[in-house]
Amino acid sequence: MKRATFIRILTGIQLVSNNVSVVENFNNKALITVRVPELAAESPKQIRSLQKVLTRSSYYSIKPDGDELTITLEFEWE
């Protein structure tokens, strides 16, 4: 994935949640951790967007954490 695509994905994630942690590594990888109260897609377009983010990530994990979900995404770019 190109780094510009990663920046677009990150911007979209930050629109959904303001509780986003990003760690960029100079080995062409980035790790994003998002904490959200729920993961809900209300329209087919939102479902497709969520599926695209998950398929573009090289690793993802969704875990319950109290009253929230912790979503961890790892991306690799060229």
PDB file of N, CA and C in Angstrom:
ATOM      1  N   MET A   1       0.836  -1.155   0.000  1.00  0.00           N
ATOM      2  CA  MET A   1       0.000   0.000   0.000  1.00  0.00           C
ATOM      3  C   MET A   1       0.894   1.235   0.000  1.00  0.00           C
ATOM      4  N   LYS A   2       0.453   2.244  -0.685  1.00  0.00           N
ATOM      5  CA  LYS A   2       1.192   3.500  -0.700  1.00  0.00           C
ATOM      6  C   LYS A   2       0.928   4.262   0.594  1.00  0.00           C
ATOM      7  N   ARG A   3       1.889   5.056   0.982  1.00  0.00           N
ATOM      8  CA  ARG A   3       1.750   5.819   2.232  1.00  0.00           C
ATOM      9  C   ARG A   3       0.586   6.810   2.141  1.00  0.00           C
ATOM     10  N   ALA A   4       0.339   7.372   0.969  1.00  0.00           N
ATOM     11  CA  ALA A   4      -0.774   8.308   0.794  1.00  0.00           C
ATOM     12  C   ALA A   4      -2.114   7.621   1.070  1.00  0.00           C
ATOM     13  N   THR A   5      -2.241   6.365   0.671  1.00  0.00           N
ATOM     14  CA  THR A   5      -3.457   5.596   0.953  1.00  0.00           C
ATOM     15  C   THR A   5      -3.608   5.399   2.457  1.00  0.00           C
ATOM     16  N   PHE A   6      -2.500   5.122   3.129  1.00  0.00           N
ATOM     17  CA  PHE A   6      -2.536   4.970   4.579  1.00  0.00           C
ATOM     18  C   PHE A   6      -3.012   6.260   5.246  1.00  0.00           C
ATOM     19  N   ILE A   7      -2.534   7.395   4.782  1.00  0.00           N
ATOM     20  CA  ILE A   7      -2.938   8.685   5.359  1.00  0.00           C
ATOM     21  C   ILE A   7      -4.439   8.898   5.160  1.00  0.00           C
ATOM     22  N   ARG A   8      -4.977   8.532   3.995  1.00  0.00           N
ATOM     23  CA  ARG A   8      -6.429   8.651   3.755  1.00  0.00           C
ATOM     24  C   ARG A   8      -7.208   7.752   4.705  1.00  0.00           C
ATOM     25  N   ILE A   9      -6.741   6.528   4.905  1.00  0.00           N
ATOM     26  CA  ILE A   9      -7.403   5.600   5.831  1.00  0.00           C
ATOM     27  C   ILE A   9      -7.355   6.165   7.248  1.00  0.00           C
ATOM     28  N   LEU A  10      -6.206   6.669   7.664  1.00  0.00           N
ATOM     29  CA  LEU A  10      -6.059   7.231   9.002  1.00  0.00           C
ATOM     30  C   LEU A  10      -6.988   8.422   9.212  1.00  0.00           C
ATOM     31  N   THR A  11      -7.107   9.276   8.227  1.00  0.00           N
ATOM     32  CA  THR A  11      -8.005  10.432   8.322  1.00  0.00           C
ATOM     33  C   THR A  11      -9.445   9.970   8.497  1.00  0.00           C
ATOM     34  N   GLY A  12      -9.849   8.952   7.758  1.00  0.00           N
ATOM     35  CA  GLY A  12     -11.203   8.411   7.892  1.00  0.00           C
ATOM     36  C   GLY A  12     -11.455   7.807   9.266  1.00  0.00           C
ATOM     37  N   ILE A  13     -10.462   7.109   9.790  1.00  0.00           N
ATOM     38  CA  ILE A  13     -10.592   6.516  11.125  1.00  0.00           C
ATOM     39  C   ILE A  13     -10.715   7.615  12.176  1.00  0.00           C
ATOM     40  N   GLN A  14      -9.953   8.682  12.023  1.00  0.00           N
ATOM     41  CA  GLN A  14     -10.002   9.766  12.994  1.00  0.00           C
ATOM     42  C   GLN A  14     -11.330  10.514  12.946  1.00  0.00           C
ATOM     43  N   LEU A  15     -12.049  10.443  11.835  1.00  0.00           N
ATOM     44  CA  LEU A  15     -13.383  11.040  11.763  1.00  0.00           C
ATOM     45  C   LEU A  15     -14.386  10.241  12.587  1.00  0.00           C
ATOM     46  N   VAL A  16     -14.161   8.943  12.703  1.00  0.00           N
ATOM     47  CA  VAL A  16     -15.071   8.065  13.442  1.00  0.00           C
ATOM     48  C   VAL A  16     -14.800   8.123  14.939  1.00  0.00           C
ATOM     49  N   SER A  17     -13.552   8.185  15.321  1.00  0.00           N
ATOM     50  CA  SER A  17     -13.190   8.155  16.737  1.00  0.00           C
ATOM     51  C   SER A  17     -12.078   9.151  16.999  1.00  0.00           C
ATOM     52  N   ASN A  18     -12.191   9.881  18.098  1.00  0.00           N
ATOM     53  CA  ASN A  18     -11.108  10.788  18.455  1.00  0.00           C
ATOM     54  C   ASN A  18     -10.137  10.132  19.435  1.00  0.00           C
ATOM     55  N   ASN A  19     -10.336   8.864  19.704  1.00  0.00           N
ATOM     56  CA  ASN A  19      -9.459   8.112  20.596  1.00  0.00           C
ATOM     57  C   ASN A  19      -8.602   7.161  19.756  1.00  0.00           C
ATOM     58  N   VAL A  20      -7.658   7.745  18.990  1.00  0.00           N
ATOM     59  CA  VAL A  20      -6.835   6.988  18.047  1.00  0.00           C
ATOM     60  C   VAL A  20      -5.367   7.175  18.409  1.00  0.00           C
ATOM     61  N   SER A  21      -4.644   6.089  18.500  1.00  0.00           N
ATOM     62  CA  SER A  21      -3.197   6.130  18.717  1.00  0.00           C
ATOM     63  C   SER A  21      -2.523   5.610  17.452  1.00  0.00           C
ATOM     64  N   VAL A  22      -1.492   6.307  17.006  1.00  0.00           N
ATOM     65  CA  VAL A  22      -0.769   5.890  15.808  1.00  0.00           C
ATOM     66  C   VAL A  22       0.713   5.823  16.140  1.00  0.00           C
ATOM     67  N   VAL A  23       1.321   4.718  15.785  1.00  0.00           N
ATOM     68  CA  VAL A  23       2.760   4.571  15.929  1.00  0.00           C
ATOM     69  C   VAL A  23       3.294   4.268  14.540  1.00  0.00           C
ATOM     70  N   GLU A  24       4.109   5.189  14.018  1.00  0.00           N
ATOM     71  CA  GLU A  24       4.717   4.953  12.712  1.00  0.00           C
ATOM     72  C   GLU A  24       6.143   4.496  12.920  1.00  0.00           C
ATOM     73  N   ASN A  25       6.517   3.530  12.161  1.00  0.00           N
ATOM     74  CA  ASN A  25       7.820   2.924  12.252  1.00  0.00           C
ATOM     75  C   ASN A  25       8.529   3.212  10.928  1.00  0.00           C
ATOM     76  N   PHE A  26       9.811   3.412  10.967  1.00  0.00           N
ATOM     77  CA  PHE A  26      10.518   3.722   9.737  1.00  0.00           C
ATOM     78  C   PHE A  26      10.866   2.482   8.929  1.00  0.00           C
ATOM     79  N   ASN A  27      10.359   1.330   9.320  1.00  0.00           N
ATOM     80  CA  ASN A  27      10.527   0.112   8.533  1.00  0.00           C
ATOM     81  C   ASN A  27       9.302  -0.109   7.653  1.00  0.00           C
ATOM     82  N   ASN A  28       8.667   0.958   7.237  1.00  0.00           N
ATOM     83  CA  ASN A  28       7.504   0.919   6.350  1.00  0.00           C
ATOM     84  C   ASN A  28       6.298   0.217   6.975  1.00  0.00           C
ATOM     85  N   LYS A  29       6.101   0.433   8.257  1.00  0.00           N
ATOM     86  CA  LYS A  29       4.948  -0.123   8.946  1.00  0.00           C
ATOM     87  C   LYS A  29       4.333   0.940   9.845  1.00  0.00           C
ATOM     88  N   ALA A  30       3.067   0.771  10.137  1.00  0.00           N
ATOM     89  CA  ALA A  30       2.383   1.649  11.090  1.00  0.00           C
ATOM     90  C   ALA A  30       1.392   0.809  11.877  1.00  0.00           C
ATOM     91  N   LEU A  31       1.226   1.152  13.128  1.00  0.00           N
ATOM     92  CA  LEU A  31       0.306   0.464  14.016  1.00  0.00           C
ATOM     93  C   LEU A  31      -0.704   1.488  14.511  1.00  0.00           C
ATOM     94  N   ILE A  32      -1.981   1.179  14.355  1.00  0.00           N
ATOM     95  CA  ILE A  32      -3.057   2.069  14.782  1.00  0.00           C
ATOM     96  C   ILE A  32      -3.880   1.332  15.827  1.00  0.00           C
ATOM     97  N   THR A  33      -4.161   2.005  16.924  1.00  0.00           N
ATOM     98  CA  THR A  33      -5.042   1.471  17.952  1.00  0.00           C
ATOM     99  C   THR A  33      -6.201   2.434  18.112  1.00  0.00           C
ATOM    100  N   VAL A  34      -7.416   1.909  18.005  1.00  0.00           N
ATOM    101  CA  VAL A  34      -8.633   2.723  18.088  1.00  0.00           C
ATOM    102  C   VAL A  34      -9.490   2.150  19.203  1.00  0.00           C
ATOM    103  N   ARG A  35     -10.033   3.025  20.033  1.00  0.00           N
ATOM    104  CA  ARG A  35     -10.968   2.590  21.086  1.00  0.00           C
ATOM    105  C   ARG A  35     -12.311   3.222  20.776  1.00  0.00           C
ATOM    106  N   VAL A  36     -13.315   2.379  20.560  1.00  0.00           N
ATOM    107  CA  VAL A  36     -14.660   2.845  20.233  1.00  0.00           C
ATOM    108  C   VAL A  36     -15.670   2.126  21.116  1.00  0.00           C
ATOM    109  N   PRO A  37     -16.818   2.788  21.408  1.00  0.00           N
ATOM    110  CA  PRO A  37     -17.832   2.129  22.233  1.00  0.00           C
ATOM    111  C   PRO A  37     -18.507   0.964  21.518  1.00  0.00           C
ATOM    112  N   GLU A  38     -18.644   1.047  20.207  1.00  0.00           N
ATOM    113  CA  GLU A  38     -19.243  -0.050  19.441  1.00  0.00           C
ATOM    114  C   GLU A  38     -18.764   0.032  18.005  1.00  0.00           C
ATOM    115  N   LEU A  39     -18.900  -1.051  17.310  1.00  0.00           N
ATOM    116  CA  LEU A  39     -18.522  -1.130  15.910  1.00  0.00           C
ATOM    117  C   LEU A  39     -19.799  -1.380  15.138  1.00  0.00           C
ATOM    118  N   ALA A  40     -20.355  -0.327  14.565  1.00  0.00           N
ATOM    119  CA  ALA A  40     -21.640  -0.452  13.881  1.00  0.00           C
ATOM    120  C   ALA A  40     -21.541   0.164  12.497  1.00  0.00           C
ATOM    121  N   ALA A  41     -22.002  -0.561  11.524  1.00  0.00           N
ATOM    122  CA  ALA A  41     -22.091  -0.052  10.158  1.00  0.00           C
ATOM    123  C   ALA A  41     -23.576   0.033   9.812  1.00  0.00           C
ATOM    124  N   GLU A  42     -24.028   1.243   9.550  1.00  0.00           N
ATOM    125  CA  GLU A  42     -25.455   1.453   9.365  1.00  0.00           C
ATOM    126  C   GLU A  42     -25.901   1.375   7.914  1.00  0.00           C
ATOM    127  N   SER A  43     -24.957   1.392   6.997  1.00  0.00           N
ATOM    128  CA  SER A  43     -25.325   1.333   5.585  1.00  0.00           C
ATOM    129  C   SER A  43     -24.375   0.378   4.856  1.00  0.00           C
ATOM    130  N   PRO A  44     -24.783  -0.076   3.674  1.00  0.00           N
ATOM    131  CA  PRO A  44     -23.892  -0.956   2.895  1.00  0.00           C
ATOM    132  C   PRO A  44     -22.560  -0.289   2.560  1.00  0.00           C
ATOM    133  N   LYS A  45     -22.563   1.025   2.352  1.00  0.00           N
ATOM    134  CA  LYS A  45     -21.321   1.737   2.042  1.00  0.00           C
ATOM    135  C   LYS A  45     -20.373   1.700   3.243  1.00  0.00           C
ATOM    136  N   GLN A  46     -20.900   1.864   4.453  1.00  0.00           N
ATOM    137  CA  GLN A  46     -20.065   1.795   5.650  1.00  0.00           C
ATOM    138  C   GLN A  46     -19.514   0.393   5.845  1.00  0.00           C
ATOM    139  N   ILE A  47     -20.310  -0.619   5.553  1.00  0.00           N
ATOM    140  CA  ILE A  47     -19.849  -2.011   5.670  1.00  0.00           C
ATOM    141  C   ILE A  47     -18.700  -2.258   4.695  1.00  0.00           C
ATOM    142  N   ARG A  48     -18.841  -1.800   3.434  1.00  0.00           N
ATOM    143  CA  ARG A  48     -17.778  -1.970   2.441  1.00  0.00           C
ATOM    144  C   ARG A  48     -16.510  -1.228   2.865  1.00  0.00           C
ATOM    145  N   SER A  49     -16.669  -0.036   3.419  1.00  0.00           N
ATOM    146  CA  SER A  49     -15.504   0.735   3.861  1.00  0.00           C
ATOM    147  C   SER A  49     -14.775   0.012   4.984  1.00  0.00           C
ATOM    148  N   LEU A  50     -15.515  -0.527   5.933  1.00  0.00           N
ATOM    149  CA  LEU A  50     -14.901  -1.282   7.026  1.00  0.00           C
ATOM    150  C   LEU A  50     -14.184  -2.520   6.492  1.00  0.00           C
ATOM    151  N   GLN A  51     -14.804  -3.214   5.540  1.00  0.00           N
ATOM    152  CA  GLN A  51     -14.174  -4.392   4.952  1.00  0.00           C
ATOM    153  C   GLN A  51     -12.884  -4.024   4.220  1.00  0.00           C
ATOM    154  N   LYS A  52     -12.875  -2.883   3.516  1.00  0.00           N
ATOM    155  CA  LYS A  52     -11.673  -2.440   2.801  1.00  0.00           C
ATOM    156  C   LYS A  52     -10.532  -2.152   3.769  1.00  0.00           C
ATOM    157  N   VAL A  53     -10.855  -1.487   4.877  1.00  0.00           N
ATOM    158  CA  VAL A  53      -9.812  -1.184   5.865  1.00  0.00           C
ATOM    159  C   VAL A  53      -9.217  -2.471   6.417  1.00  0.00           C
ATOM    160  N   LEU A  54     -10.079  -3.428   6.746  1.00  0.00           N
ATOM    161  CA  LEU A  54      -9.582  -4.686   7.300  1.00  0.00           C
ATOM    162  C   LEU A  54      -8.775  -5.475   6.285  1.00  0.00           C
ATOM    163  N   THR A  55      -9.167  -5.458   5.012  1.00  0.00           N
ATOM    164  CA  THR A  55      -8.411  -6.215   4.012  1.00  0.00           C
ATOM    165  C   THR A  55      -7.101  -5.523   3.651  1.00  0.00           C
ATOM    166  N   ARG A  56      -7.035  -4.210   3.771  1.00  0.00           N
ATOM    167  CA  ARG A  56      -5.784  -3.500   3.475  1.00  0.00           C
ATOM    168  C   ARG A  56      -4.775  -3.615   4.602  1.00  0.00           C
ATOM    169  N   SER A  57      -5.236  -3.938   5.793  1.00  0.00           N
ATOM    170  CA  SER A  57      -4.303  -4.068   6.911  1.00  0.00           C
ATOM    171  C   SER A  57      -3.607  -5.429   6.824  1.00  0.00           C
ATOM    172  N   SER A  58      -2.363  -5.448   7.272  1.00  0.00           N
ATOM    173  CA  SER A  58      -1.634  -6.716   7.259  1.00  0.00           C
ATOM    174  C   SER A  58      -1.970  -7.542   8.499  1.00  0.00           C
ATOM    175  N   TYR A  59      -2.529  -6.886   9.524  1.00  0.00           N
ATOM    176  CA  TYR A  59      -2.933  -7.562  10.752  1.00  0.00           C
ATOM    177  C   TYR A  59      -4.022  -6.727  11.396  1.00  0.00           C
ATOM    178  N   TYR A  60      -5.032  -7.382  11.962  1.00  0.00           N
ATOM    179  CA  TYR A  60      -6.011  -6.649  12.749  1.00  0.00           C
ATOM    180  C   TYR A  60      -6.495  -7.511  13.906  1.00  0.00           C
ATOM    181  N   SER A  61      -6.914  -6.832  14.966  1.00  0.00           N
ATOM    182  CA  SER A  61      -7.406  -7.497  16.156  1.00  0.00           C
ATOM    183  C   SER A  61      -8.517  -6.627  16.741  1.00  0.00           C
ATOM    184  N   ILE A  62      -9.625  -7.248  17.105  1.00  0.00           N
ATOM    185  CA  ILE A  62     -10.736  -6.553  17.739  1.00  0.00           C
ATOM    186  C   ILE A  62     -11.010  -7.256  19.062  1.00  0.00           C
ATOM    187  N   LYS A  63     -10.807  -6.524  20.171  1.00  0.00           N
ATOM    188  CA  LYS A  63     -10.961  -7.121  21.499  1.00  0.00           C
ATOM    189  C   LYS A  63     -11.849  -6.244  22.378  1.00  0.00           C
ATOM    190  N   PRO A  64     -12.688  -6.872  23.214  1.00  0.00           N
ATOM    191  CA  PRO A  64     -13.470  -6.083  24.176  1.00  0.00           C
ATOM    192  C   PRO A  64     -12.559  -5.580  25.295  1.00  0.00           C
ATOM    193  N   ASP A  65     -12.826  -4.359  25.737  1.00  0.00           N
ATOM    194  CA  ASP A  65     -12.042  -3.763  26.819  1.00  0.00           C
ATOM    195  C   ASP A  65     -12.985  -2.934  27.683  1.00  0.00           C
ATOM    196  N   GLY A  66     -13.593  -3.578  28.654  1.00  0.00           N
ATOM    197  CA  GLY A  66     -14.575  -2.885  29.491  1.00  0.00           C
ATOM    198  C   GLY A  66     -15.829  -2.592  28.678  1.00  0.00           C
ATOM    199  N   ASP A  67     -16.194  -1.328  28.602  1.00  0.00           N
ATOM    200  CA  ASP A  67     -17.371  -0.911  27.837  1.00  0.00           C
ATOM    201  C   ASP A  67     -17.029  -0.526  26.404  1.00  0.00           C
ATOM    202  N   GLU A  68     -15.783  -0.720  25.995  1.00  0.00           N
ATOM    203  CA  GLU A  68     -15.339  -0.313  24.666  1.00  0.00           C
ATOM    204  C   GLU A  68     -14.741  -1.494  23.913  1.00  0.00           C
ATOM    205  N   LEU A  69     -14.485  -1.251  22.636  1.00  0.00           N
ATOM    206  CA  LEU A  69     -13.741  -2.199  21.805  1.00  0.00           C
ATOM    207  C   LEU A  69     -12.385  -1.582  21.495  1.00  0.00           C
ATOM    208  N   THR A  70     -11.351  -2.385  21.556  1.00  0.00           N
ATOM    209  CA  THR A  70     -10.029  -1.948  21.155  1.00  0.00           C
ATOM    210  C   THR A  70      -9.704  -2.618  19.824  1.00  0.00           C
ATOM    211  N   ILE A  71      -9.504  -1.796  18.821  1.00  0.00           N
ATOM    212  CA  ILE A  71      -9.205  -2.288  17.471  1.00  0.00           C
ATOM    213  C   ILE A  71      -7.755  -1.947  17.170  1.00  0.00           C
ATOM    214  N   THR A  72      -6.975  -2.952  16.843  1.00  0.00           N
ATOM    215  CA  THR A  72      -5.572  -2.763  16.506  1.00  0.00           C
ATOM    216  C   THR A  72      -5.390  -3.130  15.039  1.00  0.00           C
ATOM    217  N   LEU A  73      -4.816  -2.218  14.280  1.00  0.00           N
ATOM    218  CA  LEU A  73      -4.574  -2.422  12.851  1.00  0.00           C
ATOM    219  C   LEU A  73      -3.101  -2.190  12.557  1.00  0.00           C
ATOM    220  N   GLU A  74      -2.516  -3.042  11.742  1.00  0.00           N
ATOM    221  CA  GLU A  74      -1.143  -2.854  11.303  1.00  0.00           C
ATOM    222  C   GLU A  74      -1.143  -2.710   9.790  1.00  0.00           C
ATOM    223  N   PHE A  75      -0.413  -1.718   9.305  1.00  0.00           N
ATOM    224  CA  PHE A  75      -0.322  -1.471   7.866  1.00  0.00           C
ATOM    225  C   PHE A  75       1.117  -1.478   7.430  1.00  0.00           C
ATOM    226  N   GLU A  76       1.360  -2.001   6.247  1.00  0.00           N
ATOM    227  CA  GLU A  76       2.672  -1.958   5.617  1.00  0.00           C
ATOM    228  C   GLU A  76       2.540  -1.185   4.324  1.00  0.00           C
ATOM    229  N   TRP A  77       3.477  -0.315   4.028  1.00  0.00           N
ATOM    230  CA  TRP A  77       3.420   0.435   2.783  1.00  0.00           C
ATOM    231  C   TRP A  77       4.730   0.351   2.036  1.00  0.00           C
ATOM    232  N   GLU A  78       4.671   0.778   0.791  1.00  0.00           N
ATOM    233  CA  GLU A  78       5.825   0.704  -0.117  1.00  0.00           C
ATOM    234  C   GLU A  78       6.755   1.867   0.084  1.00  0.00           C
TER     235      GLU A  78
END
